[in-house]
Amino acid sequence: MTSLIVGRNAVVEALTQGKNIDKILLYREAHGEGIGDIRRLAKQQNIPIQHVPMEKLSALTKTQHQGVVAIGALIKYYNVQEVLDHVYSEGKIPLFIILDGVTDVRNVGAIARTALCCGAHAIIIPDSGGAALQEDAVKASAGALLQVMVCRVHSLAKTADELHLNGFQIVASVMQATANVFDINFTLPTAIIMGGEEKGIQPVLQKIADQLFKIPMLGEFNSLNVSVATGMVLYEAMKQRMK
């Protein structure tokens, strides 16, 4: 079950100790002791703060919350550079997945399962606008979210730039692309951007990508579920890397 961390001192202490926190609910007019520390530490750790009315907090807990409740995370979030150091230290070629606007926990769970099976090293998600990785997501992943490294970042665009500086190619799945997924060289350090089914990949990320690709289809139906599409891409990457 989701755990709650209630009260200013308790939340500051949890942040200071680096405990896994999914998000912080903060009374929209909160100020005074501890609030500045909570905002600063949350920003450093890419933990989203959601401003809420007092009634929302009081409905969550009967404990004196002082305008602050943190929701504990079931999974551990990693720093991108931390994952890079780990992958390179093992002599492996990194393969990351960037999820842009994927909000369905079942899709994220399914993607995590395939990522683990295909040897992807990390899933990168935004700190807002994505699925909440709590009980339902972990269940949908059959526990894979507890094993694959997940990075939560404030800006996907800045993270893509950071990966470029680390020698990555950035590729993005777009239906209108001319290149096929089979044309991509996945044996290089690669980050694959997959977009949500509603809006797809945002334009700024498409511009950052080194190459856009599509998954060719013979049928007239022109849409694939994002978790299925990601699975197809990852299996192509795995096939190339196994050779």
C-alpha atoms as a PDB file:
ATOM      1  CA  MET A   1       0.000   0.000   0.000  1.00  0.00           C
ATOM      2  CA  THR A   2       1.024   3.621  -0.546  1.00  0.00           C
ATOM      3  CA  SER A   3       2.650   5.141   2.538  1.00  0.00           C
ATOM      4  CA  LEU A   4       2.094   8.704   3.700  1.00  0.00           C
ATOM      5  CA  ILE A   5       4.695  10.963   5.293  1.00  0.00           C
ATOM      6  CA  VAL A   6       2.826  13.606   7.242  1.00  0.00           C
ATOM      7  CA  GLY A   7       3.993  16.950   8.606  1.00  0.00           C
ATOM      8  CA  ARG A   8       6.752  19.427   7.776  1.00  0.00           C
ATOM      9  CA  ASN A   9       9.565  17.970   9.872  1.00  0.00           C
ATOM     10  CA  ALA A  10       8.784  14.412   8.785  1.00  0.00           C
ATOM     11  CA  VAL A  11       8.798  15.369   5.105  1.00  0.00           C
ATOM     12  CA  VAL A  12      12.031  17.357   5.436  1.00  0.00           C
ATOM     13  CA  GLU A  13      13.658  14.410   7.205  1.00  0.00           C
ATOM     14  CA  ALA A  14      12.462  11.962   4.522  1.00  0.00           C
ATOM     15  CA  LEU A  15      13.828  14.219   1.777  1.00  0.00           C
ATOM     16  CA  THR A  16      17.120  14.664   3.597  1.00  0.00           C
ATOM     17  CA  GLN A  17      17.519  10.889   3.941  1.00  0.00           C
ATOM     18  CA  GLY A  18      16.738  10.387   0.259  1.00  0.00           C
ATOM     19  CA  LYS A  19      13.665   8.242   0.829  1.00  0.00           C
ATOM     20  CA  ASN A  20      11.619   7.243  -2.209  1.00  0.00           C
ATOM     21  CA  ILE A  21       8.834   9.802  -2.652  1.00  0.00           C
ATOM     22  CA  ASP A  22       6.362   9.853  -5.515  1.00  0.00           C
ATOM     23  CA  LYS A  23       5.055  13.387  -4.978  1.00  0.00           C
ATOM     24  CA  ILE A  24       4.428  16.010  -2.312  1.00  0.00           C
ATOM     25  CA  LEU A  25       1.006  17.510  -1.677  1.00  0.00           C
ATOM     26  CA  LEU A  26       1.408  21.046  -0.357  1.00  0.00           C
ATOM     27  CA  TYR A  27      -1.266  23.430   0.863  1.00  0.00           C
ATOM     28  CA  ARG A  28      -1.360  26.155  -1.761  1.00  0.00           C
ATOM     29  CA  GLU A  29      -0.863  28.936   0.790  1.00  0.00           C
ATOM     30  CA  ALA A  30       1.685  27.155   2.999  1.00  0.00           C
ATOM     31  CA  HIS A  31       4.611  29.230   4.222  1.00  0.00           C
ATOM     32  CA  GLY A  32       6.955  29.492   7.176  1.00  0.00           C
ATOM     33  CA  GLU A  33       9.116  26.877   8.879  1.00  0.00           C
ATOM     34  CA  GLY A  34      10.257  23.987   6.698  1.00  0.00           C
ATOM     35  CA  ILE A  35       8.416  24.989   3.529  1.00  0.00           C
ATOM     36  CA  GLY A  36      11.499  26.498   1.878  1.00  0.00           C
ATOM     37  CA  ASP A  37      13.528  23.371   2.680  1.00  0.00           C
ATOM     38  CA  ILE A  38      10.802  21.133   1.261  1.00  0.00           C
ATOM     39  CA  ARG A  39      10.681  23.091  -1.998  1.00  0.00           C
ATOM     40  CA  ARG A  40      14.478  23.158  -2.329  1.00  0.00           C
ATOM     41  CA  LEU A  41      15.007  19.455  -1.590  1.00  0.00           C
ATOM     42  CA  ALA A  42      12.108  18.392  -3.803  1.00  0.00           C
ATOM     43  CA  LYS A  43      13.551  20.389  -6.705  1.00  0.00           C
ATOM     44  CA  GLN A  44      16.981  18.824  -6.214  1.00  0.00           C
ATOM     45  CA  GLN A  45      15.479  15.328  -6.283  1.00  0.00           C
ATOM     46  CA  ASN A  46      12.997  15.923  -9.136  1.00  0.00           C
ATOM     47  CA  ILE A  47      10.043  15.224  -6.855  1.00  0.00           C
ATOM     48  CA  PRO A  48       6.896  16.972  -8.099  1.00  0.00           C
ATOM     49  CA  ILE A  49       4.985  19.263  -5.740  1.00  0.00           C
ATOM     50  CA  GLN A  50       1.234  19.455  -6.204  1.00  0.00           C
ATOM     51  CA  HIS A  51      -0.509  22.471  -4.658  1.00  0.00           C
ATOM     52  CA  VAL A  52      -3.830  21.463  -3.130  1.00  0.00           C
ATOM     53  CA  PRO A  53      -6.569  22.891  -0.878  1.00  0.00           C
ATOM     54  CA  MET A  54      -6.477  22.085   2.837  1.00  0.00           C
ATOM     55  CA  GLU A  55      -9.516  19.819   2.452  1.00  0.00           C
ATOM     56  CA  LYS A  56      -7.540  17.489   0.192  1.00  0.00           C
ATOM     57  CA  LEU A  57      -4.850  16.993   2.831  1.00  0.00           C
ATOM     58  CA  SER A  58      -7.334  16.565   5.658  1.00  0.00           C
ATOM     59  CA  ALA A  59      -9.148  13.884   3.663  1.00  0.00           C
ATOM     60  CA  LEU A  60      -5.915  11.886   3.357  1.00  0.00           C
ATOM     61  CA  THR A  61      -4.983  11.781   7.033  1.00  0.00           C
ATOM     62  CA  LYS A  62      -6.368  12.623  10.469  1.00  0.00           C
ATOM     63  CA  THR A  63      -2.843  13.374  11.712  1.00  0.00           C
ATOM     64  CA  GLN A  64      -1.808  17.021  12.075  1.00  0.00           C
ATOM     65  CA  HIS A  65      -0.300  17.525   8.628  1.00  0.00           C
ATOM     66  CA  GLN A  66       0.749  21.196   8.864  1.00  0.00           C
ATOM     67  CA  GLY A  67      -0.155  21.647   5.212  1.00  0.00           C
ATOM     68  CA  VAL A  68       2.245  18.994   3.892  1.00  0.00           C
ATOM     69  CA  VAL A  69       1.800  15.321   2.981  1.00  0.00           C
ATOM     70  CA  ALA A  70       4.327  13.308   0.977  1.00  0.00           C
ATOM     71  CA  ILE A  71       3.279  10.135  -0.806  1.00  0.00           C
ATOM     72  CA  GLY A  72       5.892   7.413  -0.621  1.00  0.00           C
ATOM     73  CA  ALA A  73       7.017   5.755  -3.846  1.00  0.00           C
ATOM     74  CA  LEU A  74       6.961   2.002  -4.329  1.00  0.00           C
ATOM     75  CA  ILE A  75       9.893   2.140  -6.705  1.00  0.00           C
ATOM     76  CA  LYS A  76      13.288   3.756  -6.467  1.00  0.00           C
ATOM     77  CA  TYR A  77      14.057   6.578  -8.878  1.00  0.00           C
ATOM     78  CA  TYR A  78      17.578   6.877 -10.247  1.00  0.00           C
ATOM     79  CA  ASN A  79      19.610   9.789 -11.522  1.00  0.00           C
ATOM     80  CA  VAL A  80      20.367   9.521 -15.261  1.00  0.00           C
ATOM     81  CA  GLN A  81      24.107   9.926 -14.722  1.00  0.00           C
ATOM     82  CA  GLU A  82      23.966   7.257 -12.023  1.00  0.00           C
ATOM     83  CA  VAL A  83      22.490   4.794 -14.515  1.00  0.00           C
ATOM     84  CA  LEU A  84      25.034   5.761 -17.169  1.00  0.00           C
ATOM     85  CA  ASP A  85      27.921   5.150 -14.784  1.00  0.00           C
ATOM     86  CA  HIS A  86      26.459   1.773 -13.827  1.00  0.00           C
ATOM     87  CA  VAL A  87      25.935   0.627 -17.433  1.00  0.00           C
ATOM     88  CA  TYR A  88      29.367   1.736 -18.625  1.00  0.00           C
ATOM     89  CA  SER A  89      31.059   0.201 -15.566  1.00  0.00           C
ATOM     90  CA  GLU A  90      29.639  -3.164 -16.650  1.00  0.00           C
ATOM     91  CA  GLY A  91      31.031  -2.706 -20.160  1.00  0.00           C
ATOM     92  CA  LYS A  92      27.589  -2.551 -21.761  1.00  0.00           C
ATOM     93  CA  ILE A  93      26.159  -0.332 -24.494  1.00  0.00           C
ATOM     94  CA  PRO A  94      23.296   1.667 -22.963  1.00  0.00           C
ATOM     95  CA  LEU A  95      19.748   1.381 -24.255  1.00  0.00           C
ATOM     96  CA  PHE A  96      17.232   3.776 -22.698  1.00  0.00           C
ATOM     97  CA  ILE A  97      13.518   4.366 -23.250  1.00  0.00           C
ATOM     98  CA  ILE A  98      12.054   7.869 -22.943  1.00  0.00           C
ATOM     99  CA  LEU A  99       8.285   7.963 -22.399  1.00  0.00           C
ATOM    100  CA  ASP A 100       6.654  11.221 -23.454  1.00  0.00           C
ATOM    101  CA  GLY A 101       3.066  11.644 -22.282  1.00  0.00           C
ATOM    102  CA  VAL A 102       2.362   7.969 -21.591  1.00  0.00           C
ATOM    103  CA  THR A 103      -0.289   8.251 -18.872  1.00  0.00           C
ATOM    104  CA  ASP A 104      -1.843   4.765 -18.731  1.00  0.00           C
ATOM    105  CA  VAL A 105      -0.258   2.740 -15.926  1.00  0.00           C
ATOM    106  CA  ARG A 106      -1.002  -0.491 -17.787  1.00  0.00           C
ATOM    107  CA  ASN A 107       1.062   0.694 -20.741  1.00  0.00           C
ATOM    108  CA  VAL A 108       3.967   1.742 -18.535  1.00  0.00           C
ATOM    109  CA  GLY A 109       3.802  -1.592 -16.738  1.00  0.00           C
ATOM    110  CA  ALA A 110       3.818  -3.544 -19.988  1.00  0.00           C
ATOM    111  CA  ILE A 111       6.709  -1.454 -21.319  1.00  0.00           C
ATOM    112  CA  ALA A 112       8.706  -2.166 -18.160  1.00  0.00           C
ATOM    113  CA  ARG A 113       8.181  -5.921 -18.592  1.00  0.00           C
ATOM    114  CA  THR A 114       9.405  -5.835 -22.196  1.00  0.00           C
ATOM    115  CA  ALA A 115      12.280  -3.507 -21.322  1.00  0.00           C
ATOM    116  CA  LEU A 116      13.518  -5.969 -18.727  1.00  0.00           C
ATOM    117  CA  CYS A 117      13.186  -8.901 -21.128  1.00  0.00           C
ATOM    118  CA  CYS A 118      14.983  -7.106 -23.977  1.00  0.00           C
ATOM    119  CA  GLY A 119      17.893  -5.729 -21.982  1.00  0.00           C
ATOM    120  CA  ALA A 120      16.951  -2.040 -21.852  1.00  0.00           C
ATOM    121  CA  HIS A 121      18.777  -0.379 -19.001  1.00  0.00           C
ATOM    122  CA  ALA A 122      16.458   2.465 -18.001  1.00  0.00           C
ATOM    123  CA  ILE A 123      13.052   4.029 -18.507  1.00  0.00           C
ATOM    124  CA  ILE A 124      12.977   7.825 -18.361  1.00  0.00           C
ATOM    125  CA  ILE A 125       9.726   9.564 -17.431  1.00  0.00           C
ATOM    126  CA  PRO A 126       8.801  13.221 -16.780  1.00  0.00           C
ATOM    127  CA  ASP A 127       7.990  14.359 -13.261  1.00  0.00           C
ATOM    128  CA  SER A 128       4.598  15.570 -14.497  1.00  0.00           C
ATOM    129  CA  GLY A 129       2.293  14.555 -17.301  1.00  0.00           C
ATOM    130  CA  GLY A 130       3.025  10.840 -17.019  1.00  0.00           C
ATOM    131  CA  ALA A 131       1.526   7.819 -15.306  1.00  0.00           C
ATOM    132  CA  ALA A 132       1.750   7.569 -11.515  1.00  0.00           C
ATOM    133  CA  LEU A 133       3.963   4.586 -10.734  1.00  0.00           C
ATOM    134  CA  GLN A 134       2.115   3.216  -7.729  1.00  0.00           C
ATOM    135  CA  GLU A 135       0.428  -0.122  -6.957  1.00  0.00           C
ATOM    136  CA  ASP A 136      -1.464  -0.483 -10.247  1.00  0.00           C
ATOM    137  CA  ALA A 137       1.611   0.214 -12.361  1.00  0.00           C
ATOM    138  CA  VAL A 138       3.779  -2.223 -10.401  1.00  0.00           C
ATOM    139  CA  LYS A 139       1.058  -4.880 -10.670  1.00  0.00           C
ATOM    140  CA  ALA A 140       0.712  -4.304 -14.426  1.00  0.00           C
ATOM    141  CA  SER A 141       4.480  -4.690 -14.781  1.00  0.00           C
ATOM    142  CA  ALA A 142       4.442  -8.031 -12.917  1.00  0.00           C
ATOM    143  CA  GLY A 143       7.124  -6.549 -10.678  1.00  0.00           C
ATOM    144  CA  ALA A 144       9.388  -5.414 -13.523  1.00  0.00           C
ATOM    145  CA  LEU A 145       9.194  -1.793 -12.333  1.00  0.00           C
ATOM    146  CA  LEU A 146      10.936  -2.913  -9.166  1.00  0.00           C
ATOM    147  CA  GLN A 147      13.860  -4.253 -11.214  1.00  0.00           C
ATOM    148  CA  VAL A 148      14.382  -1.941 -14.178  1.00  0.00           C
ATOM    149  CA  MET A 149      15.961   1.438 -13.424  1.00  0.00           C
ATOM    150  CA  VAL A 150      13.488   4.311 -13.679  1.00  0.00           C
ATOM    151  CA  CYS A 151      14.651   7.915 -13.976  1.00  0.00           C
ATOM    152  CA  ARG A 152      12.229  10.749 -13.257  1.00  0.00           C
ATOM    153  CA  VAL A 153      13.332  14.071 -14.744  1.00  0.00           C
ATOM    154  CA  HIS A 154      12.000  17.602 -14.831  1.00  0.00           C
ATOM    155  CA  SER A 155      12.662  18.147 -18.551  1.00  0.00           C
ATOM    156  CA  LEU A 156      12.784  15.405 -21.181  1.00  0.00           C
ATOM    157  CA  ALA A 157      14.353  17.851 -23.641  1.00  0.00           C
ATOM    158  CA  LYS A 158      17.230  18.727 -21.300  1.00  0.00           C
ATOM    159  CA  THR A 159      17.714  15.048 -20.518  1.00  0.00           C
ATOM    160  CA  ALA A 160      17.943  14.268 -24.234  1.00  0.00           C
ATOM    161  CA  ASP A 161      20.595  16.967 -24.569  1.00  0.00           C
ATOM    162  CA  GLU A 162      22.463  15.424 -21.630  1.00  0.00           C
ATOM    163  CA  LEU A 163      22.367  12.032 -23.316  1.00  0.00           C
ATOM    164  CA  HIS A 164      23.691  13.588 -26.527  1.00  0.00           C
ATOM    165  CA  LEU A 165      26.680  14.874 -24.559  1.00  0.00           C
ATOM    166  CA  ASN A 166      27.232  11.306 -23.339  1.00  0.00           C
ATOM    167  CA  GLY A 167      27.485   9.972 -26.894  1.00  0.00           C
ATOM    168  CA  PHE A 168      23.890   8.796 -27.359  1.00  0.00           C
ATOM    169  CA  GLN A 169      21.865   8.814 -30.509  1.00  0.00           C
ATOM    170  CA  ILE A 170      18.270   9.887 -29.880  1.00  0.00           C
ATOM    171  CA  VAL A 171      15.637   8.209 -32.053  1.00  0.00           C
ATOM    172  CA  ALA A 172      11.895   8.767 -31.998  1.00  0.00           C
ATOM    173  CA  SER A 173       8.943   6.687 -33.164  1.00  0.00           C
ATOM    174  CA  VAL A 174       6.705   8.830 -35.389  1.00  0.00           C
ATOM    175  CA  MET A 175       4.059   7.457 -37.778  1.00  0.00           C
ATOM    176  CA  GLN A 176       4.869  10.052 -40.465  1.00  0.00           C
ATOM    177  CA  ALA A 177       8.595   9.224 -40.589  1.00  0.00           C
ATOM    178  CA  THR A 178      10.156   7.929 -43.818  1.00  0.00           C
ATOM    179  CA  ALA A 179      12.743   5.618 -42.218  1.00  0.00           C
ATOM    180  CA  ASN A 180      11.679   2.245 -40.862  1.00  0.00           C
ATOM    181  CA  VAL A 181      12.612   0.881 -37.452  1.00  0.00           C
ATOM    182  CA  PHE A 182      14.810  -1.666 -39.251  1.00  0.00           C
ATOM    183  CA  ASP A 183      16.948   1.198 -40.602  1.00  0.00           C
ATOM    184  CA  ILE A 184      18.056   2.300 -37.130  1.00  0.00           C
ATOM    185  CA  ASN A 185      21.407   1.074 -35.825  1.00  0.00           C
ATOM    186  CA  PHE A 186      20.534   0.035 -32.288  1.00  0.00           C
ATOM    187  CA  THR A 187      24.022  -1.268 -31.547  1.00  0.00           C
ATOM    188  CA  LEU A 188      25.033   2.305 -30.692  1.00  0.00           C
ATOM    189  CA  PRO A 189      24.269   3.938 -27.317  1.00  0.00           C
ATOM    190  CA  THR A 190      20.607   4.741 -27.928  1.00  0.00           C
ATOM    191  CA  ALA A 191      17.650   6.459 -26.309  1.00  0.00           C
ATOM    192  CA  ILE A 192      14.278   5.607 -27.874  1.00  0.00           C
ATOM    193  CA  ILE A 193      11.484   8.155 -27.506  1.00  0.00           C
ATOM    194  CA  MET A 194       7.961   6.731 -27.461  1.00  0.00           C
ATOM    195  CA  GLY A 195       4.954   9.047 -27.285  1.00  0.00           C
ATOM    196  CA  GLY A 196       1.542   8.695 -25.705  1.00  0.00           C
ATOM    197  CA  GLU A 197      -1.298   7.555 -27.938  1.00  0.00           C
ATOM    198  CA  GLU A 198      -3.275  10.767 -27.565  1.00  0.00           C
ATOM    199  CA  LYS A 199      -0.708  13.428 -28.499  1.00  0.00           C
ATOM    200  CA  GLY A 200       2.341  11.455 -29.606  1.00  0.00           C
ATOM    201  CA  ILE A 201       5.829  12.913 -29.179  1.00  0.00           C
ATOM    202  CA  GLN A 202       5.979  16.648 -28.574  1.00  0.00           C
ATOM    203  CA  PRO A 203       7.554  18.674 -31.410  1.00  0.00           C
ATOM    204  CA  VAL A 204      10.546  19.853 -29.360  1.00  0.00           C
ATOM    205  CA  LEU A 205      11.623  16.238 -28.805  1.00  0.00           C
ATOM    206  CA  GLN A 206      11.123  15.393 -32.470  1.00  0.00           C
ATOM    207  CA  LYS A 207      13.497  18.245 -33.344  1.00  0.00           C
ATOM    208  CA  ILE A 208      16.073  17.032 -30.835  1.00  0.00           C
ATOM    209  CA  ALA A 209      15.978  13.465 -32.194  1.00  0.00           C
ATOM    210  CA  ASP A 210      18.797  12.438 -34.517  1.00  0.00           C
ATOM    211  CA  GLN A 211      16.432  10.251 -36.508  1.00  0.00           C
ATOM    212  CA  LEU A 212      12.689   9.654 -36.740  1.00  0.00           C
ATOM    213  CA  PHE A 213      11.423   6.208 -37.619  1.00  0.00           C
ATOM    214  CA  LYS A 214       8.151   4.382 -38.135  1.00  0.00           C
ATOM    215  CA  ILE A 215       7.007   0.816 -37.606  1.00  0.00           C
ATOM    216  CA  PRO A 216       5.856  -0.411 -41.030  1.00  0.00           C
ATOM    217  CA  MET A 217       2.381  -1.945 -41.159  1.00  0.00           C
ATOM    218  CA  LEU A 218       0.635  -3.893 -43.908  1.00  0.00           C
ATOM    219  CA  GLY A 219      -2.890  -3.461 -42.591  1.00  0.00           C
ATOM    220  CA  GLU A 220      -4.997  -0.347 -43.160  1.00  0.00           C
ATOM    221  CA  PHE A 221      -5.273   0.270 -39.424  1.00  0.00           C
ATOM    222  CA  ASN A 222      -2.703   2.975 -38.709  1.00  0.00           C
ATOM    223  CA  SER A 223      -2.317   2.909 -34.947  1.00  0.00           C
ATOM    224  CA  LEU A 224      -0.504   0.684 -32.459  1.00  0.00           C
ATOM    225  CA  ASN A 225      -0.838   0.614 -28.695  1.00  0.00           C
ATOM    226  CA  VAL A 226       2.265   2.325 -27.274  1.00  0.00           C
ATOM    227  CA  SER A 227       3.294  -0.677 -25.187  1.00  0.00           C
ATOM    228  CA  VAL A 228       2.979  -2.998 -28.207  1.00  0.00           C
ATOM    229  CA  ALA A 229       4.908  -0.544 -30.385  1.00  0.00           C
ATOM    230  CA  THR A 230       7.648  -0.226 -27.780  1.00  0.00           C
ATOM    231  CA  GLY A 231       7.885  -3.999 -27.616  1.00  0.00           C
ATOM    232  CA  MET A 232       8.383  -4.194 -31.381  1.00  0.00           C
ATOM    233  CA  VAL A 233      11.131  -1.584 -31.279  1.00  0.00           C
ATOM    234  CA  LEU A 234      12.895  -3.220 -28.337  1.00  0.00           C
ATOM    235  CA  TYR A 235      12.850  -6.641 -29.981  1.00  0.00           C
ATOM    236  CA  GLU A 236      14.477  -5.153 -33.085  1.00  0.00           C
ATOM    237  CA  ALA A 237      17.111  -3.569 -30.839  1.00  0.00           C
ATOM    238  CA  MET A 238      17.674  -6.862 -29.037  1.00  0.00           C
ATOM    239  CA  LYS A 239      17.967  -8.760 -32.333  1.00  0.00           C
ATOM    240  CA  GLN A 240      20.651  -6.368 -33.587  1.00  0.00           C
ATOM    241  CA  ARG A 241      22.567  -6.479 -30.313  1.00  0.00           C
ATOM    242  CA  MET A 242      22.467 -10.289 -30.106  1.00  0.00           C
ATOM    243  CA  LYS A 243      24.243 -10.483 -33.451  1.00  0.00           C
END
